[in-house]
Amino acid sequence: MPNEETSNPQQHTANVKQMLNDVIRHLSEDVGRIEEPRAEELFETTAEVLWNWEQHREHPVVNEEAKT
């Protein structure tokens, strides 16, 4: 794991982004391994929510109406 003693916010952001991507990947992989339907749905939904959150964080939607 990268040096976490740095005060560089970009490094901390990169670390968190990598951890989030690892969780998304792990959840997505486990969906096919779980035989309990409710747990499978929970893993799938959680992976989708985290992925969507990451996409919106990287590419925020600009509200054109709010600008006027």
Protein backbone atom coordinates (compact mmCIF):
# COMPACT_ATOMS: atom_id res chain seq x y z
CA MET A 1 0.00 0.00 0.00
CA PRO A 2 1.27 3.51 -0.78
CA ASN A 3 2.70 5.69 1.96
CA GLU A 4 -0.28 6.94 3.95
CA GLU A 5 1.76 9.42 6.00
CA THR A 6 1.79 11.96 3.20
CA SER A 7 -0.25 15.13 3.55
CA ASN A 8 -0.87 15.24 -0.20
CA PRO A 9 -4.67 15.15 -0.73
CA GLN A 10 -4.26 13.90 -4.30
CA GLN A 11 -2.42 10.83 -3.01
CA HIS A 12 -5.13 10.13 -0.44
CA THR A 13 -7.80 10.58 -3.11
CA ALA A 14 -6.00 8.15 -5.42
CA ASN A 15 -5.73 5.62 -2.56
CA VAL A 16 -9.44 5.86 -1.77
CA LYS A 17 -10.36 5.61 -5.45
CA GLN A 18 -8.27 2.44 -5.78
CA MET A 19 -9.86 0.94 -2.66
CA LEU A 20 -13.34 1.80 -3.95
CA ASN A 21 -12.57 0.20 -7.32
CA ASP A 22 -11.28 -2.89 -5.51
CA VAL A 23 -14.53 -3.16 -3.53
CA ILE A 24 -16.63 -2.72 -6.68
CA ARG A 25 -14.63 -5.43 -8.47
CA HIS A 26 -14.82 -7.79 -5.50
CA LEU A 27 -18.59 -7.35 -5.13
CA SER A 28 -19.15 -7.87 -8.85
CA GLU A 29 -17.05 -11.04 -8.84
CA ASP A 30 -18.87 -12.42 -5.80
CA VAL A 31 -22.31 -11.96 -7.38
CA GLY A 32 -21.69 -15.08 -9.48
CA ARG A 33 -20.41 -17.06 -6.50
CA ILE A 34 -23.26 -16.47 -4.08
CA GLU A 35 -26.26 -18.76 -4.17
CA GLU A 36 -28.45 -16.78 -1.77
CA PRO A 37 -30.68 -14.53 -3.96
CA ARG A 38 -31.01 -11.73 -1.39
CA ALA A 39 -27.26 -11.59 -0.78
CA GLU A 40 -26.60 -11.68 -4.52
CA GLU A 41 -28.98 -8.75 -5.03
CA LEU A 42 -27.33 -6.82 -2.18
CA PHE A 43 -23.85 -7.31 -3.65
CA GLU A 44 -25.01 -6.41 -7.16
CA THR A 45 -26.88 -3.31 -6.02
CA THR A 46 -24.01 -2.14 -3.82
CA ALA A 47 -21.52 -2.52 -6.69
CA GLU A 48 -23.82 -0.54 -9.00
CA VAL A 49 -24.38 2.25 -6.48
CA LEU A 50 -20.67 2.59 -5.76
CA TRP A 51 -19.82 2.55 -9.47
CA ASN A 52 -22.44 5.21 -10.24
CA TRP A 53 -21.26 7.36 -7.33
CA GLU A 54 -17.68 7.15 -8.60
CA GLN A 55 -18.77 8.09 -12.13
CA HIS A 56 -20.71 11.13 -10.91
CA ARG A 57 -17.85 12.17 -8.65
CA GLU A 58 -15.43 12.11 -11.57
CA HIS A 59 -17.87 13.63 -14.08
CA PRO A 60 -20.40 15.78 -12.24
CA VAL A 61 -23.59 16.65 -14.06
CA VAL A 62 -23.84 20.38 -14.63
CA ASN A 63 -27.26 21.79 -13.95
CA GLU A 64 -27.69 24.39 -16.68
CA GLU A 65 -30.87 25.79 -15.08
CA ALA A 66 -29.00 26.59 -11.88
CA LYS A 67 -26.57 28.79 -13.82
CA THR A 68 -29.25 31.20 -15.04
